[in-house]
Amino acid sequence: MEFLFGLLSIVLIIVSILLIVLILMQKTKGAEIGAVFGSGAAKAVLGASAATILTKITAWLGGIFLALVLILSYLSIKIAKSNTVIENIPVQQQTENKK
């Protein structure tokens, strides 16, 4: 279970970086700062419908990010409950000595 947790953590980091890059690539409605971070390059590469494609990809990555966070939260609780110190203590059987 720890391997799955580590693998999903790496996927979460990759999705987070992609999400940050895609958000910065989008053209803003107000200050037009999106052109500084590559909105013009995205239009040149992806064509006129780049804004809608970037918006859809961003929405999907946001959903994947949310799902990964919830799964990792569930897995961390399961790992924490399965690796308790008290469960690792050997149980000593008590014998009653009758005199």
N, C-alpha and C. Protein backbone atom coordinates (compact mmCIF):
# COMPACT_ATOMS: atom_id res chain seq x y z
N MET A 1 0.83 -1.19 0.00
CA MET A 1 0.00 0.00 0.00
C MET A 1 0.87 1.26 0.00
N GLU A 2 2.07 1.14 0.60
CA GLU A 2 2.97 2.29 0.61
C GLU A 2 3.48 2.60 -0.79
N PHE A 3 3.66 1.54 -1.63
CA PHE A 3 4.10 1.76 -3.00
C PHE A 3 3.06 2.54 -3.79
N LEU A 4 1.79 2.17 -3.62
CA LEU A 4 0.70 2.87 -4.30
C LEU A 4 0.62 4.32 -3.84
N PHE A 5 0.83 4.54 -2.55
CA PHE A 5 0.82 5.90 -2.01
C PHE A 5 1.94 6.73 -2.63
N GLY A 6 3.14 6.16 -2.73
CA GLY A 6 4.26 6.86 -3.34
C GLY A 6 4.03 7.15 -4.81
N LEU A 7 3.49 6.17 -5.54
CA LEU A 7 3.23 6.34 -6.96
C LEU A 7 2.19 7.43 -7.20
N LEU A 8 1.11 7.40 -6.43
CA LEU A 8 0.08 8.43 -6.58
C LEU A 8 0.58 9.81 -6.15
N SER A 9 1.50 9.86 -5.21
CA SER A 9 2.09 11.14 -4.82
C SER A 9 2.90 11.74 -5.96
N ILE A 10 3.63 10.91 -6.67
CA ILE A 10 4.41 11.38 -7.83
C ILE A 10 3.46 11.86 -8.92
N VAL A 11 2.39 11.11 -9.17
CA VAL A 11 1.40 11.53 -10.17
C VAL A 11 0.76 12.86 -9.76
N LEU A 12 0.50 13.03 -8.47
CA LEU A 12 -0.08 14.29 -7.98
C LEU A 12 0.87 15.46 -8.23
N ILE A 13 2.15 15.26 -8.02
CA ILE A 13 3.12 16.33 -8.26
C ILE A 13 3.15 16.70 -9.74
N ILE A 14 3.12 15.70 -10.62
CA ILE A 14 3.13 15.95 -12.06
C ILE A 14 1.87 16.69 -12.48
N VAL A 15 0.72 16.26 -11.98
CA VAL A 15 -0.55 16.92 -12.31
C VAL A 15 -0.54 18.36 -11.78
N SER A 16 0.02 18.57 -10.60
CA SER A 16 0.08 19.93 -10.04
C SER A 16 0.92 20.85 -10.91
N ILE A 17 2.07 20.37 -11.36
CA ILE A 17 2.93 21.18 -12.23
C ILE A 17 2.23 21.49 -13.55
N LEU A 18 1.60 20.48 -14.14
CA LEU A 18 0.87 20.70 -15.39
C LEU A 18 -0.27 21.69 -15.21
N LEU A 19 -0.95 21.58 -14.09
CA LEU A 19 -2.06 22.49 -13.81
C LEU A 19 -1.58 23.93 -13.67
N ILE A 20 -0.46 24.12 -12.98
CA ILE A 20 0.11 25.47 -12.83
C ILE A 20 0.49 26.03 -14.19
N VAL A 21 1.16 25.22 -15.01
CA VAL A 21 1.58 25.69 -16.33
C VAL A 21 0.38 26.04 -17.20
N LEU A 22 -0.64 25.20 -17.19
CA LEU A 22 -1.82 25.47 -18.01
C LEU A 22 -2.57 26.71 -17.55
N ILE A 23 -2.66 26.91 -16.26
CA ILE A 23 -3.34 28.11 -15.76
C ILE A 23 -2.57 29.37 -16.16
N LEU A 24 -1.25 29.31 -16.10
CA LEU A 24 -0.46 30.47 -16.49
C LEU A 24 -0.48 30.72 -18.00
N MET A 25 -0.73 29.69 -18.78
CA MET A 25 -0.78 29.86 -20.23
C MET A 25 -2.07 30.51 -20.70
N GLN A 26 -3.11 30.43 -19.91
CA GLN A 26 -4.40 30.95 -20.35
C GLN A 26 -4.41 32.47 -20.34
N LYS A 27 -5.16 32.99 -21.24
CA LYS A 27 -5.28 34.44 -21.37
C LYS A 27 -6.27 34.94 -20.32
N THR A 28 -5.85 35.95 -19.58
CA THR A 28 -6.74 36.49 -18.54
C THR A 28 -7.71 37.47 -19.16
N LYS A 29 -8.80 37.72 -18.47
CA LYS A 29 -9.82 38.62 -18.99
C LYS A 29 -9.51 40.08 -18.69
N GLY A 30 -8.72 40.32 -17.64
CA GLY A 30 -8.49 41.70 -17.25
C GLY A 30 -7.16 42.27 -17.67
N ALA A 31 -6.10 41.85 -17.04
CA ALA A 31 -4.80 42.51 -17.18
C ALA A 31 -3.99 42.01 -18.36
N GLU A 32 -4.43 40.97 -19.05
CA GLU A 32 -3.70 40.41 -20.18
C GLU A 32 -2.30 39.94 -19.79
N ILE A 33 -2.15 39.45 -18.59
CA ILE A 33 -0.84 38.96 -18.16
C ILE A 33 -0.57 37.57 -18.72
N GLY A 34 -1.60 36.94 -19.28
CA GLY A 34 -1.43 35.62 -19.86
C GLY A 34 -0.46 35.63 -21.03
N ALA A 35 -0.35 36.75 -21.73
CA ALA A 35 0.58 36.84 -22.85
C ALA A 35 2.03 36.78 -22.38
N VAL A 36 2.28 37.22 -21.18
CA VAL A 36 3.64 37.18 -20.64
C VAL A 36 4.08 35.74 -20.43
N PHE A 37 3.16 34.89 -20.02
CA PHE A 37 3.49 33.51 -19.69
C PHE A 37 3.27 32.54 -20.84
N GLY A 38 2.96 33.02 -22.02
CA GLY A 38 2.89 32.13 -23.16
C GLY A 38 1.52 31.93 -23.77
N SER A 39 0.57 32.79 -23.51
CA SER A 39 -0.73 32.63 -24.13
C SER A 39 -0.65 32.81 -25.63
N GLY A 40 0.21 33.72 -26.07
CA GLY A 40 0.39 33.92 -27.50
C GLY A 40 1.01 32.70 -28.15
N ALA A 41 1.93 32.06 -27.48
CA ALA A 41 2.57 30.85 -28.00
C ALA A 41 1.56 29.71 -28.09
N ALA A 42 0.68 29.63 -27.13
CA ALA A 42 -0.33 28.58 -27.15
C ALA A 42 -1.27 28.77 -28.33
N LYS A 43 -1.62 30.02 -28.64
CA LYS A 43 -2.47 30.29 -29.79
C LYS A 43 -1.77 29.92 -31.09
N ALA A 44 -0.48 30.24 -31.16
CA ALA A 44 0.27 29.94 -32.37
C ALA A 44 0.39 28.44 -32.59
N VAL A 45 0.57 27.68 -31.55
CA VAL A 45 0.75 26.24 -31.67
C VAL A 45 -0.59 25.52 -31.82
N LEU A 46 -1.56 25.86 -31.01
CA LEU A 46 -2.82 25.13 -30.97
C LEU A 46 -3.90 25.72 -31.87
N GLY A 47 -3.72 26.89 -32.39
CA GLY A 47 -4.70 27.50 -33.27
C GLY A 47 -5.65 28.42 -32.53
N ALA A 48 -6.72 28.81 -33.21
CA ALA A 48 -7.65 29.79 -32.66
C ALA A 48 -8.46 29.23 -31.50
N SER A 49 -8.66 27.93 -31.48
CA SER A 49 -9.46 27.35 -30.40
C SER A 49 -8.61 26.94 -29.21
N ALA A 50 -7.45 27.55 -29.06
CA ALA A 50 -6.54 27.20 -27.97
C ALA A 50 -7.16 27.49 -26.61
N ALA A 51 -7.92 28.56 -26.51
CA ALA A 51 -8.51 28.93 -25.22
C ALA A 51 -9.48 27.86 -24.74
N THR A 52 -10.31 27.35 -25.64
CA THR A 52 -11.27 26.33 -25.22
C THR A 52 -10.58 25.01 -24.91
N ILE A 53 -9.55 24.68 -25.66
CA ILE A 53 -8.81 23.44 -25.38
C ILE A 53 -8.10 23.55 -24.04
N LEU A 54 -7.45 24.69 -23.79
CA LEU A 54 -6.76 24.88 -22.52
C LEU A 54 -7.73 24.87 -21.35
N THR A 55 -8.89 25.43 -21.54
CA THR A 55 -9.90 25.46 -20.49
C THR A 55 -10.38 24.04 -20.17
N LYS A 56 -10.61 23.24 -21.21
CA LYS A 56 -11.07 21.87 -20.99
C LYS A 56 -10.00 21.03 -20.32
N ILE A 57 -8.75 21.17 -20.77
CA ILE A 57 -7.66 20.41 -20.16
C ILE A 57 -7.47 20.82 -18.70
N THR A 58 -7.60 22.12 -18.43
CA THR A 58 -7.46 22.61 -17.06
C THR A 58 -8.56 22.05 -16.17
N ALA A 59 -9.78 21.99 -16.69
CA ALA A 59 -10.88 21.44 -15.91
C ALA A 59 -10.65 19.95 -15.62
N TRP A 60 -10.20 19.21 -16.61
CA TRP A 60 -9.92 17.78 -16.40
C TRP A 60 -8.79 17.58 -15.41
N LEU A 61 -7.73 18.36 -15.54
CA LEU A 61 -6.61 18.23 -14.60
C LEU A 61 -7.03 18.62 -13.18
N GLY A 62 -7.91 19.60 -13.07
CA GLY A 62 -8.44 19.98 -11.76
C GLY A 62 -9.22 18.84 -11.12
N GLY A 63 -10.04 18.15 -11.94
CA GLY A 63 -10.78 17.00 -11.44
C GLY A 63 -9.86 15.86 -11.03
N ILE A 64 -8.84 15.61 -11.85
CA ILE A 64 -7.86 14.57 -11.52
C ILE A 64 -7.12 14.92 -10.24
N PHE A 65 -6.76 16.19 -10.09
CA PHE A 65 -6.08 16.66 -8.88
C PHE A 65 -6.94 16.41 -7.65
N LEU A 66 -8.20 16.77 -7.73
CA LEU A 66 -9.12 16.58 -6.61
C LEU A 66 -9.27 15.10 -6.27
N ALA A 67 -9.43 14.25 -7.29
CA ALA A 67 -9.57 12.82 -7.05
C ALA A 67 -8.31 12.24 -6.41
N LEU A 68 -7.14 12.66 -6.89
CA LEU A 68 -5.89 12.15 -6.33
C LEU A 68 -5.72 12.56 -4.87
N VAL A 69 -6.09 13.78 -4.55
CA VAL A 69 -5.98 14.25 -3.16
C VAL A 69 -6.89 13.44 -2.25
N LEU A 70 -8.10 13.17 -2.70
CA LEU A 70 -9.03 12.39 -1.89
C LEU A 70 -8.54 10.95 -1.73
N ILE A 71 -8.04 10.35 -2.79
CA ILE A 71 -7.52 8.98 -2.72
C ILE A 71 -6.31 8.91 -1.79
N LEU A 72 -5.40 9.88 -1.91
CA LEU A 72 -4.21 9.89 -1.06
C LEU A 72 -4.58 10.11 0.41
N SER A 73 -5.60 10.91 0.65
CA SER A 73 -6.06 11.11 2.02
C SER A 73 -6.61 9.81 2.60
N TYR A 74 -7.40 9.10 1.82
CA TYR A 74 -7.94 7.82 2.27
C TYR A 74 -6.83 6.81 2.51
N LEU A 75 -5.86 6.74 1.60
CA LEU A 75 -4.75 5.80 1.75
C LEU A 75 -3.89 6.13 2.96
N SER A 76 -3.68 7.41 3.22
CA SER A 76 -2.85 7.77 4.38
C SER A 76 -3.52 7.36 5.69
N ILE A 77 -4.84 7.45 5.74
CA ILE A 77 -5.56 7.01 6.94
C ILE A 77 -5.43 5.49 7.10
N LYS A 78 -5.57 4.76 5.99
CA LYS A 78 -5.45 3.30 6.04
C LYS A 78 -4.04 2.88 6.46
N ILE A 79 -3.02 3.56 5.92
CA ILE A 79 -1.63 3.22 6.26
C ILE A 79 -1.37 3.54 7.73
N ALA A 80 -1.88 4.66 8.20
CA ALA A 80 -1.65 5.05 9.61
C ALA A 80 -2.32 4.06 10.56
N LYS A 81 -3.50 3.58 10.20
CA LYS A 81 -4.19 2.63 11.07
C LYS A 81 -3.54 1.26 11.05
N SER A 82 -2.95 0.89 9.93
CA SER A 82 -2.36 -0.45 9.84
C SER A 82 -0.97 -0.53 10.47
N ASN A 83 -0.31 0.59 10.62
CA ASN A 83 1.04 0.60 11.17
C ASN A 83 1.09 1.23 12.56
N THR A 84 0.28 0.76 13.45
CA THR A 84 0.32 1.31 14.79
C THR A 84 1.33 0.54 15.64
N VAL A 85 1.92 1.21 16.56
CA VAL A 85 2.93 0.61 17.42
C VAL A 85 2.30 -0.40 18.37
N ILE A 86 1.12 -0.12 18.81
CA ILE A 86 0.47 -0.98 19.79
C ILE A 86 0.18 -2.36 19.20
N GLU A 87 -0.15 -2.42 17.92
CA GLU A 87 -0.43 -3.71 17.30
C GLU A 87 0.83 -4.55 17.16
N ASN A 88 2.00 -3.93 17.14
CA ASN A 88 3.24 -4.66 16.98
C ASN A 88 3.78 -5.25 18.29
N ILE A 89 3.20 -4.87 19.41
CA ILE A 89 3.63 -5.39 20.70
C ILE A 89 3.09 -6.81 20.84
N PRO A 90 3.96 -7.77 21.15
CA PRO A 90 3.46 -9.14 21.30
C PRO A 90 2.55 -9.28 22.51
N VAL A 91 1.53 -10.04 22.33
CA VAL A 91 0.56 -10.25 23.40
C VAL A 91 1.08 -11.36 24.31
N GLN A 92 1.13 -11.09 25.59
CA GLN A 92 1.56 -12.09 26.55
C GLN A 92 0.33 -12.73 27.17
N GLN A 93 0.35 -14.02 27.16
CA GLN A 93 -0.78 -14.72 27.73
C GLN A 93 -0.61 -14.77 29.25
N GLN A 94 -1.67 -14.48 29.91
CA GLN A 94 -1.65 -14.51 31.37
C GLN A 94 -2.14 -15.86 31.83
N THR A 95 -1.36 -16.46 32.67
CA THR A 95 -1.77 -17.74 33.23
C THR A 95 -2.11 -17.55 34.69
N GLU A 96 -3.12 -18.19 35.09
CA GLU A 96 -3.54 -18.08 36.47
C GLU A 96 -2.86 -19.19 37.27
N ASN A 97 -2.14 -18.79 38.26
CA ASN A 97 -1.48 -19.76 39.15
C ASN A 97 -2.34 -19.94 40.38
N LYS A 98 -2.87 -21.11 40.51
CA LYS A 98 -3.68 -21.39 41.71
C LYS A 98 -2.80 -22.11 42.72
N LYS A 99 -2.81 -21.60 43.87
CA LYS A 99 -1.98 -22.18 44.94
C LYS A 99 -2.77 -23.07 45.84
